[in-house]
Amino acid sequence: AKMIITSKQNEKIKLIEKLHTKKGRAEHKKLVIEGRKSLVDCKNFDVSFDYILYTPENADFVCDFSCEKYEVSAELLKELSSQVTPQGVLAVVAQPAPATARPTTNYIVVDGVQDAGNLGTILRTALATQFMRVVLIDCVDVFSEKVINSSMTAVFKLELKKCKRDEFATLKNEYGFPLYVADLDGKNALQLDTECGIIGLVVGNEGNGVSTQVKRVADKIITLPMDKNIESLNVAVSAGVLMYILKYNLKGEN
């Protein structure tokens, strides 16, 4: 028999409302994901599902999922959704566990990025270029729905590590790999010498760039050449370009 939720006072509904807040996500160690593609991706990534809410027209779609499933009205789902046009499926899933070991690939440090779209785009590109470890320092909450949506669920595939600014020097030493910091007065990243091995890349806040505390431990400061008519690049774009340069040029590949 199918289970139906009609009341907003239902505990499952209340939990979703809590998970729309940073505090609720931190407390419950769960996340909300929305839309068919996100749900399928998470299932393929073996993410642990708590339960799914779905509208009647999505009944067939949710058959493939083995967690608890509750039918809700389109109106109730719209109220719970963070999307402009909800797709009628929403799930509560476990947060990915934080990374502990040393990275085995290049890593990116995101220092103070506040825009969810920027952070999500950086995560998506990190996955594409195999910068599998992402160190987050004072950023917008990586588990907010906006970040998850714009990362195309990359948050579930990457190794995430939150870190405080004053702990970063220690972490960098533990990792032990050369650290490149993106900054406006750096060396042209398109003319870096070919090097091998794992490196770390740091990108900074939209307005202020990388913090002094983090910049201090850089092995190299690098920049992207720009037309004199523009002051800076969007952080997600520059992070993306730099990750591609570091992935391909530094290894001497074409």
C-alpha atoms as a PDB file:
ATOM      1  CA  ALA A   1       0.000   0.000   0.000  1.00  0.00           C
ATOM      2  CA  LYS A   2       1.318   3.407  -0.835  1.00  0.00           C
ATOM      3  CA  MET A   3       1.984   5.873   1.960  1.00  0.00           C
ATOM      4  CA  ILE A   4       0.590   9.374   1.634  1.00  0.00           C
ATOM      5  CA  ILE A   5       1.479  12.525   3.572  1.00  0.00           C
ATOM      6  CA  THR A   6      -1.040  15.370   3.569  1.00  0.00           C
ATOM      7  CA  SER A   7      -0.174  17.305   6.724  1.00  0.00           C
ATOM      8  CA  LYS A   8       2.547  19.941   7.002  1.00  0.00           C
ATOM      9  CA  GLN A   9       2.864  18.899  10.632  1.00  0.00           C
ATOM     10  CA  ASN A  10       4.218  15.492   9.612  1.00  0.00           C
ATOM     11  CA  GLU A  11       7.729  14.870  11.037  1.00  0.00           C
ATOM     12  CA  LYS A  12       9.116  14.038   7.590  1.00  0.00           C
ATOM     13  CA  ILE A  13       7.898  17.383   6.247  1.00  0.00           C
ATOM     14  CA  LYS A  14       9.232  19.252   9.267  1.00  0.00           C
ATOM     15  CA  LEU A  15      12.651  17.659   8.794  1.00  0.00           C
ATOM     16  CA  ILE A  16      12.812  18.873   5.191  1.00  0.00           C
ATOM     17  CA  GLU A  17      12.019  22.403   6.365  1.00  0.00           C
ATOM     18  CA  LYS A  18      14.873  22.160   8.887  1.00  0.00           C
ATOM     19  CA  LEU A  19      17.221  20.875   6.184  1.00  0.00           C
ATOM     20  CA  HIS A  20      16.582  24.041   4.186  1.00  0.00           C
ATOM     21  CA  THR A  21      18.684  25.804   6.850  1.00  0.00           C
ATOM     22  CA  LYS A  22      22.428  25.583   7.378  1.00  0.00           C
ATOM     23  CA  LYS A  23      21.878  24.880  11.085  1.00  0.00           C
ATOM     24  CA  GLY A  24      19.452  22.030  10.366  1.00  0.00           C
ATOM     25  CA  ARG A  25      21.830  20.422   7.868  1.00  0.00           C
ATOM     26  CA  ALA A  26      24.721  20.620  10.309  1.00  0.00           C
ATOM     27  CA  GLU A  27      22.614  19.146  13.114  1.00  0.00           C
ATOM     28  CA  HIS A  28      20.986  16.264  11.213  1.00  0.00           C
ATOM     29  CA  LYS A  29      23.888  15.487   8.819  1.00  0.00           C
ATOM     30  CA  LYS A  30      21.363  15.110   6.004  1.00  0.00           C
ATOM     31  CA  LEU A  31      20.579  16.956   2.779  1.00  0.00           C
ATOM     32  CA  VAL A  32      17.658  17.580   0.469  1.00  0.00           C
ATOM     33  CA  ILE A  33      18.060  16.772  -3.226  1.00  0.00           C
ATOM     34  CA  GLU A  34      15.527  17.491  -5.936  1.00  0.00           C
ATOM     35  CA  GLY A  35      14.698  16.448  -9.458  1.00  0.00           C
ATOM     36  CA  ARG A  36      14.907  13.168 -11.340  1.00  0.00           C
ATOM     37  CA  LYS A  37      18.485  13.532 -12.540  1.00  0.00           C
ATOM     38  CA  SER A  38      19.831  14.322  -9.063  1.00  0.00           C
ATOM     39  CA  LEU A  39      18.006  11.344  -7.566  1.00  0.00           C
ATOM     40  CA  VAL A  40      19.280   8.969 -10.250  1.00  0.00           C
ATOM     41  CA  ASP A  41      22.851  10.302  -9.886  1.00  0.00           C
ATOM     42  CA  CYS A  42      22.757   9.832  -6.121  1.00  0.00           C
ATOM     43  CA  LYS A  43      21.419   6.312  -6.507  1.00  0.00           C
ATOM     44  CA  ASN A  44      24.249   5.534  -8.937  1.00  0.00           C
ATOM     45  CA  PHE A  45      26.780   7.026  -6.497  1.00  0.00           C
ATOM     46  CA  ASP A  46      25.438   4.751  -3.719  1.00  0.00           C
ATOM     47  CA  VAL A  47      24.319   7.694  -1.616  1.00  0.00           C
ATOM     48  CA  SER A  48      22.255   6.562   1.365  1.00  0.00           C
ATOM     49  CA  PHE A  49      18.572   7.614   0.975  1.00  0.00           C
ATOM     50  CA  ASP A  50      16.306   8.255   3.979  1.00  0.00           C
ATOM     51  CA  TYR A  51      13.051   8.794   2.113  1.00  0.00           C
ATOM     52  CA  ILE A  52      11.548  10.248  -1.044  1.00  0.00           C
ATOM     53  CA  LEU A  53       8.532  12.498  -1.483  1.00  0.00           C
ATOM     54  CA  TYR A  54       6.870  12.340  -4.893  1.00  0.00           C
ATOM     55  CA  THR A  55       3.797  13.663  -6.672  1.00  0.00           C
ATOM     56  CA  PRO A  56       1.325  11.123  -8.172  1.00  0.00           C
ATOM     57  CA  GLU A  57       2.697  11.470 -11.711  1.00  0.00           C
ATOM     58  CA  ASN A  58       6.143  10.371 -10.463  1.00  0.00           C
ATOM     59  CA  ALA A  59       4.886   7.112  -8.948  1.00  0.00           C
ATOM     60  CA  ASP A  60       6.501   4.983 -11.684  1.00  0.00           C
ATOM     61  CA  PHE A  61       9.802   6.829 -11.471  1.00  0.00           C
ATOM     62  CA  VAL A  62      10.248   6.203  -7.731  1.00  0.00           C
ATOM     63  CA  CYS A  63       9.578   2.448  -8.041  1.00  0.00           C
ATOM     64  CA  ASP A  64      13.293   1.838  -8.639  1.00  0.00           C
ATOM     65  CA  PHE A  65      14.290   3.316  -5.288  1.00  0.00           C
ATOM     66  CA  SER A  66      14.404   1.012  -2.289  1.00  0.00           C
ATOM     67  CA  CYS A  67      13.920   3.567   0.522  1.00  0.00           C
ATOM     68  CA  GLU A  68      10.662   4.747   2.115  1.00  0.00           C
ATOM     69  CA  LYS A  69       8.494   6.709  -0.326  1.00  0.00           C
ATOM     70  CA  TYR A  70       5.610   9.051   0.402  1.00  0.00           C
ATOM     71  CA  GLU A  71       3.151  10.501  -2.060  1.00  0.00           C
ATOM     72  CA  VAL A  72       2.385  14.211  -1.576  1.00  0.00           C
ATOM     73  CA  SER A  73       0.305  16.748  -3.470  1.00  0.00           C
ATOM     74  CA  ALA A  74       1.952  19.009  -6.048  1.00  0.00           C
ATOM     75  CA  GLU A  75       1.067  21.996  -3.812  1.00  0.00           C
ATOM     76  CA  LEU A  76       2.831  20.548  -0.776  1.00  0.00           C
ATOM     77  CA  LEU A  77       5.873  19.617  -2.833  1.00  0.00           C
ATOM     78  CA  LYS A  78       6.044  23.108  -4.330  1.00  0.00           C
ATOM     79  CA  GLU A  79       6.058  24.584  -0.826  1.00  0.00           C
ATOM     80  CA  LEU A  80       8.966  22.356   0.175  1.00  0.00           C
ATOM     81  CA  SER A  81      10.906  22.858  -3.044  1.00  0.00           C
ATOM     82  CA  SER A  82      13.737  25.342  -3.477  1.00  0.00           C
ATOM     83  CA  GLN A  83      13.281  25.234  -7.251  1.00  0.00           C
ATOM     84  CA  VAL A  84      11.226  27.624  -9.353  1.00  0.00           C
ATOM     85  CA  THR A  85       9.598  24.775 -11.277  1.00  0.00           C
ATOM     86  CA  PRO A  86       9.768  21.656  -9.075  1.00  0.00           C
ATOM     87  CA  GLN A  87       9.991  18.314 -10.860  1.00  0.00           C
ATOM     88  CA  GLY A  88       7.816  16.512  -8.357  1.00  0.00           C
ATOM     89  CA  VAL A  89      10.477  14.407  -6.628  1.00  0.00           C
ATOM     90  CA  LEU A  90      12.471  15.322  -3.567  1.00  0.00           C
ATOM     91  CA  ALA A  91      14.643  13.135  -1.346  1.00  0.00           C
ATOM     92  CA  VAL A  92      16.374  13.320   1.997  1.00  0.00           C
ATOM     93  CA  VAL A  93      19.828  11.726   1.838  1.00  0.00           C
ATOM     94  CA  ALA A  94      22.891  11.365   4.064  1.00  0.00           C
ATOM     95  CA  GLN A  95      25.643  13.979   3.855  1.00  0.00           C
ATOM     96  CA  PRO A  96      28.940  12.755   2.426  1.00  0.00           C
ATOM     97  CA  ALA A  97      31.476  12.052   5.174  1.00  0.00           C
ATOM     98  CA  PRO A  98      34.402  14.494   5.379  1.00  0.00           C
ATOM     99  CA  ALA A  99      37.693  13.432   3.801  1.00  0.00           C
ATOM    100  CA  THR A 100      40.448  12.396   6.199  1.00  0.00           C
ATOM    101  CA  ALA A 101      43.405  10.850   4.350  1.00  0.00           C
ATOM    102  CA  ARG A 102      45.987  12.685   2.250  1.00  0.00           C
ATOM    103  CA  PRO A 103      44.745  13.492  -1.268  1.00  0.00           C
ATOM    104  CA  THR A 104      45.767  11.112  -4.054  1.00  0.00           C
ATOM    105  CA  THR A 105      44.928  13.620  -6.809  1.00  0.00           C
ATOM    106  CA  ASN A 106      45.359  17.358  -7.298  1.00  0.00           C
ATOM    107  CA  TYR A 107      43.339  19.340  -4.779  1.00  0.00           C
ATOM    108  CA  ILE A 108      41.613  22.710  -4.812  1.00  0.00           C
ATOM    109  CA  VAL A 109      41.224  25.060  -1.859  1.00  0.00           C
ATOM    110  CA  VAL A 110      38.232  27.375  -2.011  1.00  0.00           C
ATOM    111  CA  ASP A 111      38.899  30.289   0.325  1.00  0.00           C
ATOM    112  CA  GLY A 112      35.852  32.384   1.189  1.00  0.00           C
ATOM    113  CA  VAL A 113      33.672  31.923  -1.900  1.00  0.00           C
ATOM    114  CA  GLN A 114      30.208  33.216  -0.959  1.00  0.00           C
ATOM    115  CA  ASP A 115      28.128  32.677  -4.089  1.00  0.00           C
ATOM    116  CA  ALA A 116      26.396  29.280  -4.252  1.00  0.00           C
ATOM    117  CA  GLY A 117      26.460  29.228  -8.062  1.00  0.00           C
ATOM    118  CA  ASN A 118      30.187  29.911  -8.095  1.00  0.00           C
ATOM    119  CA  LEU A 119      30.935  27.194  -5.555  1.00  0.00           C
ATOM    120  CA  GLY A 120      28.736  24.657  -7.350  1.00  0.00           C
ATOM    121  CA  THR A 121      30.404  25.422 -10.673  1.00  0.00           C
ATOM    122  CA  ILE A 122      33.865  25.053  -9.124  1.00  0.00           C
ATOM    123  CA  LEU A 123      32.876  21.649  -7.674  1.00  0.00           C
ATOM    124  CA  ARG A 124      31.506  20.470 -11.002  1.00  0.00           C
ATOM    125  CA  THR A 125      34.721  21.476 -12.796  1.00  0.00           C
ATOM    126  CA  ALA A 126      36.858  19.940 -10.024  1.00  0.00           C
ATOM    127  CA  LEU A 127      35.171  16.608 -10.709  1.00  0.00           C
ATOM    128  CA  ALA A 128      35.642  17.030 -14.471  1.00  0.00           C
ATOM    129  CA  THR A 129      39.379  17.696 -14.059  1.00  0.00           C
ATOM    130  CA  GLN A 130      39.856  15.158 -11.256  1.00  0.00           C
ATOM    131  CA  PHE A 131      40.748  17.674  -8.547  1.00  0.00           C
ATOM    132  CA  MET A 132      39.017  15.179  -6.279  1.00  0.00           C
ATOM    133  CA  ARG A 133      39.839  16.803  -2.928  1.00  0.00           C
ATOM    134  CA  VAL A 134      38.150  20.119  -2.195  1.00  0.00           C
ATOM    135  CA  VAL A 135      39.177  22.056   0.914  1.00  0.00           C
ATOM    136  CA  LEU A 136      36.554  24.609   1.949  1.00  0.00           C
ATOM    137  CA  ILE A 137      37.551  27.601   4.064  1.00  0.00           C
ATOM    138  CA  ASP A 138      34.736  29.921   5.240  1.00  0.00           C
ATOM    139  CA  CYS A 139      32.588  29.346   2.151  1.00  0.00           C
ATOM    140  CA  VAL A 140      28.869  29.396   1.521  1.00  0.00           C
ATOM    141  CA  ASP A 141      27.444  26.105   2.866  1.00  0.00           C
ATOM    142  CA  VAL A 142      28.481  23.390   0.420  1.00  0.00           C
ATOM    143  CA  PHE A 143      25.379  21.379   1.305  1.00  0.00           C
ATOM    144  CA  SER A 144      22.858  24.093   0.440  1.00  0.00           C
ATOM    145  CA  GLU A 145      20.454  23.130  -2.327  1.00  0.00           C
ATOM    146  CA  LYS A 146      21.767  25.878  -4.621  1.00  0.00           C
ATOM    147  CA  VAL A 147      25.311  24.533  -4.404  1.00  0.00           C
ATOM    148  CA  ILE A 148      24.183  20.934  -4.894  1.00  0.00           C
ATOM    149  CA  ASN A 149      22.069  21.866  -7.908  1.00  0.00           C
ATOM    150  CA  SER A 150      24.743  23.948  -9.589  1.00  0.00           C
ATOM    151  CA  SER A 151      27.374  21.288  -8.866  1.00  0.00           C
ATOM    152  CA  MET A 152      25.176  18.733 -10.676  1.00  0.00           C
ATOM    153  CA  THR A 153      25.519  16.499  -7.579  1.00  0.00           C
ATOM    154  CA  ALA A 154      29.355  16.563  -7.790  1.00  0.00           C
ATOM    155  CA  VAL A 155      29.348  17.077  -3.994  1.00  0.00           C
ATOM    156  CA  PHE A 156      28.613  13.363  -3.624  1.00  0.00           C
ATOM    157  CA  LYS A 157      31.619  12.272  -5.711  1.00  0.00           C
ATOM    158  CA  LEU A 158      34.298  14.628  -4.414  1.00  0.00           C
ATOM    159  CA  GLU A 159      36.277  14.379  -1.180  1.00  0.00           C
ATOM    160  CA  LEU A 160      35.230  17.407   0.851  1.00  0.00           C
ATOM    161  CA  LYS A 161      37.204  18.831   3.754  1.00  0.00           C
ATOM    162  CA  LYS A 162      36.218  21.884   5.770  1.00  0.00           C
ATOM    163  CA  CYS A 163      39.068  23.810   7.331  1.00  0.00           C
ATOM    164  CA  LYS A 164      39.576  27.053   9.263  1.00  0.00           C
ATOM    165  CA  ARG A 165      42.003  29.677   7.974  1.00  0.00           C
ATOM    166  CA  ASP A 166      44.334  29.326  10.945  1.00  0.00           C
ATOM    167  CA  GLU A 167      44.432  25.533  10.509  1.00  0.00           C
ATOM    168  CA  PHE A 168      45.258  25.636   6.833  1.00  0.00           C
ATOM    169  CA  ALA A 169      49.065  25.918   7.120  1.00  0.00           C
ATOM    170  CA  THR A 170      49.080  22.709   9.165  1.00  0.00           C
ATOM    171  CA  LEU A 171      46.829  20.951   6.649  1.00  0.00           C
ATOM    172  CA  LYS A 172      49.041  22.052   3.765  1.00  0.00           C
ATOM    173  CA  ASN A 173      52.076  20.578   5.537  1.00  0.00           C
ATOM    174  CA  GLU A 174      50.206  17.334   6.197  1.00  0.00           C
ATOM    175  CA  TYR A 175      49.315  17.090   2.515  1.00  0.00           C
ATOM    176  CA  GLY A 176      52.871  17.984   1.583  1.00  0.00           C
ATOM    177  CA  PHE A 177      52.251  19.001  -2.052  1.00  0.00           C
ATOM    178  CA  PRO A 178      53.245  22.281  -3.757  1.00  0.00           C
ATOM    179  CA  LEU A 179      50.545  24.941  -3.405  1.00  0.00           C
ATOM    180  CA  TYR A 180      49.655  27.386  -6.183  1.00  0.00           C
ATOM    181  CA  VAL A 181      47.597  30.428  -5.266  1.00  0.00           C
ATOM    182  CA  ALA A 182      45.568  32.288  -7.884  1.00  0.00           C
ATOM    183  CA  ASP A 183      46.085  36.031  -7.444  1.00  0.00           C
ATOM    184  CA  LEU A 184      46.066  39.079  -9.701  1.00  0.00           C
ATOM    185  CA  ASP A 185      49.777  39.758  -9.248  1.00  0.00           C
ATOM    186  CA  GLY A 186      51.049  36.271  -9.917  1.00  0.00           C
ATOM    187  CA  LYS A 187      53.134  34.562 -12.588  1.00  0.00           C
ATOM    188  CA  ASN A 188      51.372  33.861 -15.899  1.00  0.00           C
ATOM    189  CA  ALA A 189      49.739  30.452 -15.448  1.00  0.00           C
ATOM    190  CA  LEU A 190      49.990  29.798 -19.198  1.00  0.00           C
ATOM    191  CA  GLN A 191      53.784  29.858 -18.946  1.00  0.00           C
ATOM    192  CA  LEU A 192      54.348  27.553 -16.007  1.00  0.00           C
ATOM    193  CA  ASP A 193      57.186  25.070 -16.254  1.00  0.00           C
ATOM    194  CA  THR A 194      56.127  21.504 -16.727  1.00  0.00           C
ATOM    195  CA  GLU A 195      56.086  19.734 -13.412  1.00  0.00           C
ATOM    196  CA  CYS A 196      54.876  16.364 -12.313  1.00  0.00           C
ATOM    197  CA  GLY A 197      53.088  15.114  -9.262  1.00  0.00           C
ATOM    198  CA  ILE A 198      50.185  16.352  -7.205  1.00  0.00           C
ATOM    199  CA  ILE A 199      49.597  20.040  -6.592  1.00  0.00           C
ATOM    200  CA  GLY A 200      47.112  22.169  -4.685  1.00  0.00           C
ATOM    201  CA  LEU A 201      45.375  25.206  -6.190  1.00  0.00           C
ATOM    202  CA  VAL A 202      43.798  28.004  -4.145  1.00  0.00           C
ATOM    203  CA  VAL A 203      41.068  30.342  -5.354  1.00  0.00           C
ATOM    204  CA  GLY A 204      39.613  33.091  -3.216  1.00  0.00           C
ATOM    205  CA  ASN A 205      36.645  35.265  -2.372  1.00  0.00           C
ATOM    206  CA  GLU A 206      34.755  37.063  -5.156  1.00  0.00           C
ATOM    207  CA  GLY A 207      35.706  40.538  -3.936  1.00  0.00           C
ATOM    208  CA  ASN A 208      38.861  40.156  -1.878  1.00  0.00           C
ATOM    209  CA  GLY A 209      40.643  37.182  -3.392  1.00  0.00           C
ATOM    210  CA  VAL A 210      42.652  34.719  -1.312  1.00  0.00           C
ATOM    211  CA  SER A 211      43.164  35.658   2.348  1.00  0.00           C
ATOM    212  CA  THR A 212      46.621  36.729   3.526  1.00  0.00           C
ATOM    213  CA  GLN A 213      46.761  33.774   5.929  1.00  0.00           C
ATOM    214  CA  VAL A 214      46.376  31.282   3.103  1.00  0.00           C
ATOM    215  CA  LYS A 215      48.491  33.222   0.573  1.00  0.00           C
ATOM    216  CA  ARG A 216      51.367  33.167   3.049  1.00  0.00           C
ATOM    217  CA  VAL A 217      51.867  29.412   2.615  1.00  0.00           C
ATOM    218  CA  ALA A 218      51.865  29.467  -1.215  1.00  0.00           C
ATOM    219  CA  ASP A 219      54.751  27.924  -3.117  1.00  0.00           C
ATOM    220  CA  LYS A 220      53.791  29.860  -6.231  1.00  0.00           C
ATOM    221  CA  ILE A 221      51.430  32.726  -7.014  1.00  0.00           C
ATOM    222  CA  ILE A 222      49.838  32.371 -10.441  1.00  0.00           C
ATOM    223  CA  THR A 223      47.463  34.434 -12.537  1.00  0.00           C
ATOM    224  CA  LEU A 224      45.615  34.376 -15.847  1.00  0.00           C
ATOM    225  CA  PRO A 225      46.526  37.061 -18.399  1.00  0.00           C
ATOM    226  CA  MET A 226      43.640  39.490 -19.023  1.00  0.00           C
ATOM    227  CA  ASP A 227      42.754  42.390 -21.234  1.00  0.00           C
ATOM    228  CA  LYS A 228      43.609  45.705 -19.573  1.00  0.00           C
ATOM    229  CA  ASN A 229      39.937  46.759 -19.763  1.00  0.00           C
ATOM    230  CA  ILE A 230      38.857  44.217 -17.177  1.00  0.00           C
ATOM    231  CA  GLU A 231      39.919  44.032 -13.540  1.00  0.00           C
ATOM    232  CA  SER A 232      39.309  40.413 -12.706  1.00  0.00           C
ATOM    233  CA  LEU A 233      37.649  37.180 -13.801  1.00  0.00           C
ATOM    234  CA  ASN A 234      34.722  35.435 -12.158  1.00  0.00           C
ATOM    235  CA  VAL A 235      36.179  33.047  -9.552  1.00  0.00           C
ATOM    236  CA  ALA A 236      34.450  29.962 -10.987  1.00  0.00           C
ATOM    237  CA  VAL A 237      35.721  30.745 -14.487  1.00  0.00           C
ATOM    238  CA  SER A 238      39.304  31.358 -13.357  1.00  0.00           C
ATOM    239  CA  ALA A 239      39.229  28.246 -11.131  1.00  0.00           C
ATOM    240  CA  GLY A 240      37.988  26.235 -14.106  1.00  0.00           C
ATOM    241  CA  VAL A 241      40.618  27.524 -16.514  1.00  0.00           C
ATOM    242  CA  LEU A 242      43.394  27.001 -13.952  1.00  0.00           C
ATOM    243  CA  MET A 243      42.291  23.453 -13.115  1.00  0.00           C
ATOM    244  CA  TYR A 244      42.410  22.580 -16.819  1.00  0.00           C
ATOM    245  CA  ILE A 245      45.833  24.209 -17.251  1.00  0.00           C
ATOM    246  CA  LEU A 246      47.218  22.430 -14.201  1.00  0.00           C
ATOM    247  CA  LYS A 247      45.719  19.092 -15.195  1.00  0.00           C
ATOM    248  CA  TYR A 248      47.021  19.100 -18.756  1.00  0.00           C
ATOM    249  CA  ASN A 249      49.960  21.517 -19.139  1.00  0.00           C
ATOM    250  CA  LEU A 250      51.820  20.642 -15.984  1.00  0.00           C
ATOM    251  CA  LYS A 251      51.876  16.994 -16.936  1.00  0.00           C
ATOM    252  CA  GLY A 252      53.217  17.903 -20.336  1.00  0.00           C
ATOM    253  CA  GLU A 253      50.178  16.443 -22.094  1.00  0.00           C
ATOM    254  CA  ASN A 254      48.501  18.087 -25.065  1.00  0.00           C
END
